Amino acid sequence: AAKLIAELVNEIPQGVYQKDEFGVVTSINLGVI
C-alpha cells in the first residue's frame, strides 16, 4: 500500500491548477502522505 499511494499521488496534480489575470484561482497542495 505504501508503494501504491506513492504511485497514486504522483498522478494527482500539485500546485496551481487554474489562474487568471487577478492571480491564482484554484490550487491543490499535498499536506501529508
PDB file of all heavy atoms in Angstrom:
ATOM      1  N   ALA A   1       0.818  -1.219   0.000  1.00  0.00           N
ATOM      2  CA  ALA A   1       0.000   0.000   0.000  1.00  0.00           C
ATOM      3  C   ALA A   1       0.849   1.265   0.000  1.00  0.00           C
ATOM      4  O   ALA A   1       0.478   2.279  -0.615  1.00  0.00           O
ATOM      5  CB  ALA A   1      -0.940  -0.002   1.203  1.00  0.00           C
ATOM      6  N   ALA A   2       1.984   1.229   0.675  1.00  0.00           N
ATOM      7  CA  ALA A   2       2.857   2.406   0.706  1.00  0.00           C
ATOM      8  C   ALA A   2       3.381   2.735  -0.688  1.00  0.00           C
ATOM      9  O   ALA A   2       3.455   3.903  -1.089  1.00  0.00           O
ATOM     10  CB  ALA A   2       4.026   2.176   1.667  1.00  0.00           C
ATOM     11  N   LYS A   3       3.720   1.709  -1.448  1.00  0.00           N
ATOM     12  CA  LYS A   3       4.183   1.914  -2.824  1.00  0.00           C
ATOM     13  C   LYS A   3       3.037   2.430  -3.699  1.00  0.00           C
ATOM     14  O   LYS A   3       3.225   3.334  -4.531  1.00  0.00           O
ATOM     15  CB  LYS A   3       4.702   0.591  -3.390  1.00  0.00           C
ATOM     16  CG  LYS A   3       5.105   0.624  -4.861  1.00  0.00           C
ATOM     17  CD  LYS A   3       6.319   1.507  -5.088  1.00  0.00           C
ATOM     18  CE  LYS A   3       6.904   1.308  -6.486  1.00  0.00           C
ATOM     19  NZ  LYS A   3       5.946   1.698  -7.548  1.00  0.00           N
ATOM     20  N   LEU A   4       1.849   1.887  -3.488  1.00  0.00           N
ATOM     21  CA  LEU A   4       0.715   2.278  -4.321  1.00  0.00           C
ATOM     22  C   LEU A   4       0.263   3.716  -4.049  1.00  0.00           C
ATOM     23  O   LEU A   4      -0.154   4.415  -4.970  1.00  0.00           O
ATOM     24  CB  LEU A   4      -0.450   1.315  -4.114  1.00  0.00           C
ATOM     25  CG  LEU A   4      -0.252  -0.115  -4.626  1.00  0.00           C
ATOM     26  CD1 LEU A   4      -1.517  -0.928  -4.411  1.00  0.00           C
ATOM     27  CD2 LEU A   4       0.132  -0.118  -6.100  1.00  0.00           C
ATOM     28  N   ILE A   5       0.307   4.151  -2.792  1.00  0.00           N
ATOM     29  CA  ILE A   5      -0.106   5.532  -2.516  1.00  0.00           C
ATOM     30  C   ILE A   5       0.862   6.506  -3.184  1.00  0.00           C
ATOM     31  O   ILE A   5       0.466   7.575  -3.664  1.00  0.00           O
ATOM     32  CB  ILE A   5      -0.227   5.815  -0.998  1.00  0.00           C
ATOM     33  CG1 ILE A   5      -0.977   7.128  -0.755  1.00  0.00           C
ATOM     34  CG2 ILE A   5       1.130   5.874  -0.334  1.00  0.00           C
ATOM     35  CD1 ILE A   5      -2.424   7.115  -1.122  1.00  0.00           C
ATOM     36  N   ALA A   6       2.136   6.136  -3.243  1.00  0.00           N
ATOM     37  CA  ALA A   6       3.116   6.985  -3.935  1.00  0.00           C
ATOM     38  C   ALA A   6       2.787   7.063  -5.429  1.00  0.00           C
ATOM     39  O   ALA A   6       2.879   8.132  -6.042  1.00  0.00           O
ATOM     40  CB  ALA A   6       4.519   6.437  -3.730  1.00  0.00           C
ATOM     41  N   GLU A   7       2.386   5.940  -5.991  1.00  0.00           N
ATOM     42  CA  GLU A   7       2.002   5.917  -7.406  1.00  0.00           C
ATOM     43  C   GLU A   7       0.778   6.801  -7.650  1.00  0.00           C
ATOM     44  O   GLU A   7       0.734   7.584  -8.618  1.00  0.00           O
ATOM     45  CB  GLU A   7       1.698   4.480  -7.837  1.00  0.00           C
ATOM     46  CG  GLU A   7       1.216   4.351  -9.276  1.00  0.00           C
ATOM     47  CD  GLU A   7       0.842   2.918  -9.638  1.00  0.00           C
ATOM     48  OE1 GLU A   7       1.475   1.972  -9.121  1.00  0.00           O
ATOM     49  OE2 GLU A   7      -0.099   2.747 -10.445  1.00  0.00           O
ATOM     50  N   LEU A   8      -0.195   6.690  -6.764  1.00  0.00           N
ATOM     51  CA  LEU A   8      -1.422   7.457  -6.929  1.00  0.00           C
ATOM     52  C   LEU A   8      -1.168   8.957  -6.768  1.00  0.00           C
ATOM     53  O   LEU A   8      -1.632   9.782  -7.566  1.00  0.00           O
ATOM     54  CB  LEU A   8      -2.463   6.978  -5.909  1.00  0.00           C
ATOM     55  CG  LEU A   8      -3.878   7.536  -6.039  1.00  0.00           C
ATOM     56  CD1 LEU A   8      -4.440   7.288  -7.426  1.00  0.00           C
ATOM     57  CD2 LEU A   8      -4.775   6.892  -4.986  1.00  0.00           C
ATOM     58  N   VAL A   9      -0.419   9.317  -5.755  1.00  0.00           N
ATOM     59  CA  VAL A   9      -0.098  10.732  -5.507  1.00  0.00           C
ATOM     60  C   VAL A   9       0.659  11.337  -6.682  1.00  0.00           C
ATOM     61  O   VAL A   9       0.485  12.507  -7.023  1.00  0.00           O
ATOM     62  CB  VAL A   9       0.704  10.871  -4.195  1.00  0.00           C
ATOM     63  CG1 VAL A   9       1.393  12.223  -4.111  1.00  0.00           C
ATOM     64  CG2 VAL A   9      -0.207  10.656  -2.994  1.00  0.00           C
ATOM     65  N   ASN A  10       1.484  10.536  -7.318  1.00  0.00           N
ATOM     66  CA  ASN A  10       2.251  11.026  -8.468  1.00  0.00           C
ATOM     67  C   ASN A  10       1.345  11.433  -9.631  1.00  0.00           C
ATOM     68  O   ASN A  10       1.707  12.286 -10.445  1.00  0.00           O
ATOM     69  CB  ASN A  10       3.234   9.945  -8.933  1.00  0.00           C
ATOM     70  CG  ASN A  10       4.182  10.452  -9.989  1.00  0.00           C
ATOM     71  OD1 ASN A  10       4.886  11.443  -9.788  1.00  0.00           O
ATOM     72  ND2 ASN A  10       4.216   9.777 -11.132  1.00  0.00           N
ATOM     73  N   GLU A  11       0.154  10.827  -9.704  1.00  0.00           N
ATOM     74  CA  GLU A  11      -0.785  11.138 -10.782  1.00  0.00           C
ATOM     75  C   GLU A  11      -1.656  12.361 -10.484  1.00  0.00           C
ATOM     76  O   GLU A  11      -2.193  12.985 -11.389  1.00  0.00           O
ATOM     77  CB  GLU A  11      -1.697   9.929 -11.036  1.00  0.00           C
ATOM     78  CG  GLU A  11      -0.980   8.696 -11.584  1.00  0.00           C
ATOM     79  CD  GLU A  11      -0.401   8.946 -12.964  1.00  0.00           C
ATOM     80  OE1 GLU A  11      -1.090   9.582 -13.792  1.00  0.00           O
ATOM     81  OE2 GLU A  11       0.741   8.521 -13.219  1.00  0.00           O
ATOM     82  N   ILE A  12      -1.805  12.682  -9.210  1.00  0.00           N
ATOM     83  CA  ILE A  12      -2.690  13.784  -8.813  1.00  0.00           C
ATOM     84  C   ILE A  12      -1.956  15.111  -8.962  1.00  0.00           C
ATOM     85  O   ILE A  12      -0.785  15.224  -8.611  1.00  0.00           O
ATOM     86  CB  ILE A  12      -3.168  13.571  -7.363  1.00  0.00           C
ATOM     87  CG1 ILE A  12      -4.063  12.329  -7.298  1.00  0.00           C
ATOM     88  CG2 ILE A  12      -3.914  14.801  -6.838  1.00  0.00           C
ATOM     89  CD1 ILE A  12      -4.444  11.915  -5.900  1.00  0.00           C
ATOM     90  N   PRO A  13      -2.619  16.147  -9.490  1.00  0.00           N
ATOM     91  CA  PRO A  13      -1.942  17.445  -9.669  1.00  0.00           C
ATOM     92  C   PRO A  13      -1.408  18.002  -8.353  1.00  0.00           C
ATOM     93  O   PRO A  13      -1.924  17.690  -7.274  1.00  0.00           O
ATOM     94  CB  PRO A  13      -3.057  18.344 -10.224  1.00  0.00           C
ATOM     95  CG  PRO A  13      -4.062  17.420 -10.801  1.00  0.00           C
ATOM     96  CD  PRO A  13      -4.012  16.178  -9.969  1.00  0.00           C
ATOM     97  N   GLN A  14      -0.392  18.825  -8.452  1.00  0.00           N
ATOM     98  CA  GLN A  14       0.181  19.517  -7.303  1.00  0.00           C
ATOM     99  C   GLN A  14       0.477  20.960  -7.708  1.00  0.00           C
ATOM    100  O   GLN A  14       1.057  21.212  -8.756  1.00  0.00           O
ATOM    101  CB  GLN A  14       1.471  18.843  -6.826  1.00  0.00           C
ATOM    102  CG  GLN A  14       2.328  19.671  -5.884  1.00  0.00           C
ATOM    103  CD  GLN A  14       1.656  19.975  -4.552  1.00  0.00           C
ATOM    104  OE1 GLN A  14       0.846  19.204  -4.068  1.00  0.00           O
ATOM    105  NE2 GLN A  14       1.985  21.129  -3.973  1.00  0.00           N
ATOM    106  N   GLY A  15       0.040  21.917  -6.881  1.00  0.00           N
ATOM    107  CA  GLY A  15       0.338  23.325  -7.146  1.00  0.00           C
ATOM    108  C   GLY A  15      -0.821  24.037  -7.812  1.00  0.00           C
ATOM    109  O   GLY A  15      -1.991  23.759  -7.546  1.00  0.00           O
ATOM    110  N   VAL A  16      -0.503  24.970  -8.704  1.00  0.00           N
ATOM    111  CA  VAL A  16      -1.528  25.793  -9.353  1.00  0.00           C
ATOM    112  C   VAL A  16      -2.289  24.967 -10.383  1.00  0.00           C
ATOM    113  O   VAL A  16      -1.696  24.344 -11.262  1.00  0.00           O
ATOM    114  CB  VAL A  16      -0.906  27.026 -10.038  1.00  0.00           C
ATOM    115  CG1 VAL A  16      -1.970  27.809 -10.804  1.00  0.00           C
ATOM    116  CG2 VAL A  16      -0.239  27.930  -8.998  1.00  0.00           C
ATOM    117  N   TYR A  17      -3.604  24.974 -10.266  1.00  0.00           N
ATOM    118  CA  TYR A  17      -4.474  24.259 -11.207  1.00  0.00           C
ATOM    119  C   TYR A  17      -5.083  25.231 -12.218  1.00  0.00           C
ATOM    120  O   TYR A  17      -5.253  24.897 -13.381  1.00  0.00           O
ATOM    121  CB  TYR A  17      -5.573  23.535 -10.424  1.00  0.00           C
ATOM    122  CG  TYR A  17      -6.567  22.783 -11.268  1.00  0.00           C
ATOM    123  CD1 TYR A  17      -6.250  21.539 -11.810  1.00  0.00           C
ATOM    124  CD2 TYR A  17      -7.844  23.300 -11.504  1.00  0.00           C
ATOM    125  CE1 TYR A  17      -7.175  20.836 -12.582  1.00  0.00           C
ATOM    126  CE2 TYR A  17      -8.774  22.603 -12.274  1.00  0.00           C
ATOM    127  CZ  TYR A  17      -8.435  21.375 -12.809  1.00  0.00           C
ATOM    128  OH  TYR A  17      -9.348  20.681 -13.567  1.00  0.00           O
ATOM    129  N   GLN A  18      -5.423  26.451 -11.753  1.00  0.00           N
ATOM    130  CA  GLN A  18      -6.021  27.449 -12.633  1.00  0.00           C
ATOM    131  C   GLN A  18      -5.670  28.842 -12.130  1.00  0.00           C
ATOM    132  O   GLN A  18      -5.691  29.098 -10.934  1.00  0.00           O
ATOM    133  CB  GLN A  18      -7.547  27.283 -12.657  1.00  0.00           C
ATOM    134  CG  GLN A  18      -8.272  28.186 -13.632  1.00  0.00           C
ATOM    135  CD  GLN A  18      -8.059  27.774 -15.081  1.00  0.00           C
ATOM    136  OE1 GLN A  18      -7.959  26.593 -15.380  1.00  0.00           O
ATOM    137  NE2 GLN A  18      -7.970  28.734 -15.975  1.00  0.00           N
ATOM    138  N   LYS A  19      -5.342  29.762 -13.041  1.00  0.00           N
ATOM    139  CA  LYS A  19      -5.096  31.148 -12.665  1.00  0.00           C
ATOM    140  C   LYS A  19      -5.655  32.066 -13.749  1.00  0.00           C
ATOM    141  O   LYS A  19      -5.887  31.644 -14.888  1.00  0.00           O
ATOM    142  CB  LYS A  19      -3.610  31.406 -12.440  1.00  0.00           C
ATOM    143  CG  LYS A  19      -2.726  31.242 -13.650  1.00  0.00           C
ATOM    144  CD  LYS A  19      -1.228  31.281 -13.291  1.00  0.00           C
ATOM    145  CE  LYS A  19      -0.816  32.541 -12.599  1.00  0.00           C
ATOM    146  NZ  LYS A  19       0.643  32.590 -12.347  1.00  0.00           N
ATOM    147  N   ASP A  20      -5.865  33.333 -13.391  1.00  0.00           N
ATOM    148  CA  ASP A  20      -6.322  34.319 -14.356  1.00  0.00           C
ATOM    149  C   ASP A  20      -5.577  35.623 -14.131  1.00  0.00           C
ATOM    150  O   ASP A  20      -4.555  35.640 -13.432  1.00  0.00           O
ATOM    151  CB  ASP A  20      -7.849  34.514 -14.275  1.00  0.00           C
ATOM    152  CG  ASP A  20      -8.314  35.044 -12.920  1.00  0.00           C
ATOM    153  OD1 ASP A  20      -7.471  35.550 -12.144  1.00  0.00           O
ATOM    154  OD2 ASP A  20      -9.519  34.965 -12.633  1.00  0.00           O
ATOM    155  N   GLU A  21      -6.082  36.725 -14.700  1.00  0.00           N
ATOM    156  CA  GLU A  21      -5.348  37.992 -14.620  1.00  0.00           C
ATOM    157  C   GLU A  21      -5.289  38.552 -13.206  1.00  0.00           C
ATOM    158  O   GLU A  21      -4.477  39.443 -12.910  1.00  0.00           O
ATOM    159  CB  GLU A  21      -5.977  39.029 -15.559  1.00  0.00           C
ATOM    160  CG  GLU A  21      -7.367  39.525 -15.159  1.00  0.00           C
ATOM    161  CD  GLU A  21      -8.493  38.678 -15.727  1.00  0.00           C
ATOM    162  OE1 GLU A  21      -8.265  37.482 -15.998  1.00  0.00           O
ATOM    163  OE2 GLU A  21      -9.603  39.226 -15.893  1.00  0.00           O
ATOM    164  N   PHE A  22      -6.124  38.043 -12.298  1.00  0.00           N
ATOM    165  CA  PHE A  22      -6.133  38.539 -10.923  1.00  0.00           C
ATOM    166  C   PHE A  22      -5.276  37.685  -9.990  1.00  0.00           C
ATOM    167  O   PHE A  22      -5.097  38.025  -8.829  1.00  0.00           O
ATOM    168  CB  PHE A  22      -7.564  38.602 -10.386  1.00  0.00           C
ATOM    169  CG  PHE A  22      -8.446  39.542 -11.163  1.00  0.00           C
ATOM    170  CD1 PHE A  22      -9.483  39.052 -11.940  1.00  0.00           C
ATOM    171  CD2 PHE A  22      -8.234  40.908 -11.133  1.00  0.00           C
ATOM    172  CE1 PHE A  22     -10.299  39.911 -12.664  1.00  0.00           C
ATOM    173  CE2 PHE A  22      -9.038  41.776 -11.851  1.00  0.00           C
ATOM    174  CZ  PHE A  22     -10.069  41.280 -12.616  1.00  0.00           C
ATOM    175  N   GLY A  23      -4.751  36.568 -10.487  1.00  0.00           N
ATOM    176  CA  GLY A  23      -3.902  35.710  -9.661  1.00  0.00           C
ATOM    177  C   GLY A  23      -4.337  34.258  -9.713  1.00  0.00           C
ATOM    178  O   GLY A  23      -5.084  33.837 -10.610  1.00  0.00           O
ATOM    179  N   VAL A  24      -3.890  33.477  -8.745  1.00  0.00           N
ATOM    180  CA  VAL A  24      -4.227  32.054  -8.673  1.00  0.00           C
ATOM    181  C   VAL A  24      -5.699  31.906  -8.314  1.00  0.00           C
ATOM    182  O   VAL A  24      -6.189  32.513  -7.361  1.00  0.00           O
ATOM    183  CB  VAL A  24      -3.359  31.326  -7.629  1.00  0.00           C
ATOM    184  CG1 VAL A  24      -3.783  29.862  -7.509  1.00  0.00           C
ATOM    185  CG2 VAL A  24      -1.889  31.412  -8.021  1.00  0.00           C
ATOM    186  N   VAL A  25      -6.411  31.096  -9.083  1.00  0.00           N
ATOM    187  CA  VAL A  25      -7.827  30.842  -8.838  1.00  0.00           C
ATOM    188  C   VAL A  25      -8.008  29.553  -8.043  1.00  0.00           C
ATOM    189  O   VAL A  25      -8.729  29.511  -7.055  1.00  0.00           O
ATOM    190  CB  VAL A  25      -8.615  30.753 -10.158  1.00  0.00           C
ATOM    191  CG1 VAL A  25     -10.074  30.407  -9.895  1.00  0.00           C
ATOM    192  CG2 VAL A  25      -8.517  32.058 -10.935  1.00  0.00           C
ATOM    193  N   THR A  26      -7.343  28.491  -8.485  1.00  0.00           N
ATOM    194  CA  THR A  26      -7.507  27.180  -7.865  1.00  0.00           C
ATOM    195  C   THR A  26      -6.152  26.501  -7.728  1.00  0.00           C
ATOM    196  O   THR A  26      -5.353  26.504  -8.666  1.00  0.00           O
ATOM    197  CB  THR A  26      -8.443  26.284  -8.702  1.00  0.00           C
ATOM    198  OG1 THR A  26      -9.679  26.972  -8.916  1.00  0.00           O
ATOM    199  CG2 THR A  26      -8.720  24.957  -8.009  1.00  0.00           C
ATOM    200  N   SER A  27      -5.910  25.932  -6.550  1.00  0.00           N
ATOM    201  CA  SER A  27      -4.655  25.212  -6.329  1.00  0.00           C
ATOM    202  C   SER A  27      -4.916  23.989  -5.461  1.00  0.00           C
ATOM    203  O   SER A  27      -5.950  23.879  -4.796  1.00  0.00           O
ATOM    204  CB  SER A  27      -3.623  26.113  -5.646  1.00  0.00           C
ATOM    205  OG  SER A  27      -4.004  26.380  -4.300  1.00  0.00           O
ATOM    206  N   ILE A  28      -3.948  23.084  -5.478  1.00  0.00           N
ATOM    207  CA  ILE A  28      -4.019  21.885  -4.639  1.00  0.00           C
ATOM    208  C   ILE A  28      -2.638  21.633  -4.051  1.00  0.00           C
ATOM    209  O   ILE A  28      -1.623  21.791  -4.738  1.00  0.00           O
ATOM    210  CB  ILE A  28      -4.522  20.667  -5.438  1.00  0.00           C
ATOM    211  CG1 ILE A  28      -4.580  19.423  -4.537  1.00  0.00           C
ATOM    212  CG2 ILE A  28      -3.687  20.406  -6.681  1.00  0.00           C
ATOM    213  CD1 ILE A  28      -5.308  18.249  -5.164  1.00  0.00           C
ATOM    214  N   ASN A  29      -2.626  21.266  -2.773  1.00  0.00           N
ATOM    215  CA  ASN A  29      -1.346  21.022  -2.105  1.00  0.00           C
ATOM    216  C   ASN A  29      -1.408  19.740  -1.292  1.00  0.00           C
ATOM    217  O   ASN A  29      -2.327  19.526  -0.491  1.00  0.00           O
ATOM    218  CB  ASN A  29      -0.994  22.185  -1.178  1.00  0.00           C
ATOM    219  CG  ASN A  29       0.359  21.978  -0.525  1.00  0.00           C
ATOM    220  OD1 ASN A  29       1.383  21.992  -1.198  1.00  0.00           O
ATOM    221  ND2 ASN A  29       0.372  21.773   0.789  1.00  0.00           N
ATOM    222  N   LEU A  30      -0.434  18.870  -1.517  1.00  0.00           N
ATOM    223  CA  LEU A  30      -0.311  17.638  -0.740  1.00  0.00           C
ATOM    224  C   LEU A  30       0.180  17.985   0.664  1.00  0.00           C
ATOM    225  O   LEU A  30       1.290  18.480   0.835  1.00  0.00           O
ATOM    226  CB  LEU A  30       0.659  16.672  -1.420  1.00  0.00           C
ATOM    227  CG  LEU A  30       0.979  15.383  -0.665  1.00  0.00           C
ATOM    228  CD1 LEU A  30      -0.280  14.544  -0.473  1.00  0.00           C
ATOM    229  CD2 LEU A  30       2.052  14.580  -1.409  1.00  0.00           C
ATOM    230  N   GLY A  31      -0.669  17.746   1.657  1.00  0.00           N
ATOM    231  CA  GLY A  31      -0.301  18.078   3.031  1.00  0.00           C
ATOM    232  C   GLY A  31       0.429  16.963   3.731  1.00  0.00           C
ATOM    233  O   GLY A  31       1.398  17.198   4.463  1.00  0.00           O
ATOM    234  N   VAL A  32      -0.017  15.719   3.506  1.00  0.00           N
ATOM    235  CA  VAL A  32       0.622  14.588   4.181  1.00  0.00           C
ATOM    236  C   VAL A  32       0.393  13.324   3.364  1.00  0.00           C
ATOM    237  O   VAL A  32      -0.628  13.171   2.701  1.00  0.00           O
ATOM    238  CB  VAL A  32       0.069  14.413   5.617  1.00  0.00           C
ATOM    239  CG1 VAL A  32      -1.418  14.076   5.579  1.00  0.00           C
ATOM    240  CG2 VAL A  32       0.832  13.351   6.393  1.00  0.00           C
ATOM    241  N   ILE A  33       1.376  12.452   3.415  1.00  0.00           N
ATOM    242  CA  ILE A  33       1.250  11.123   2.824  1.00  0.00           C
ATOM    243  C   ILE A  33       1.736  10.125   3.866  1.00  0.00           C
ATOM    244  O   ILE A  33       2.801  10.303   4.460  1.00  0.00           O
ATOM    245  CB  ILE A  33       2.058  11.017   1.503  1.00  0.00           C
ATOM    246  CG1 ILE A  33       1.948   9.627   0.909  1.00  0.00           C
ATOM    247  CG2 ILE A  33       3.505  11.426   1.678  1.00  0.00           C
ATOM    248  CD1 ILE A  33       2.511   9.531  -0.512  1.00  0.00           C
TER     249      ILE A  33
END
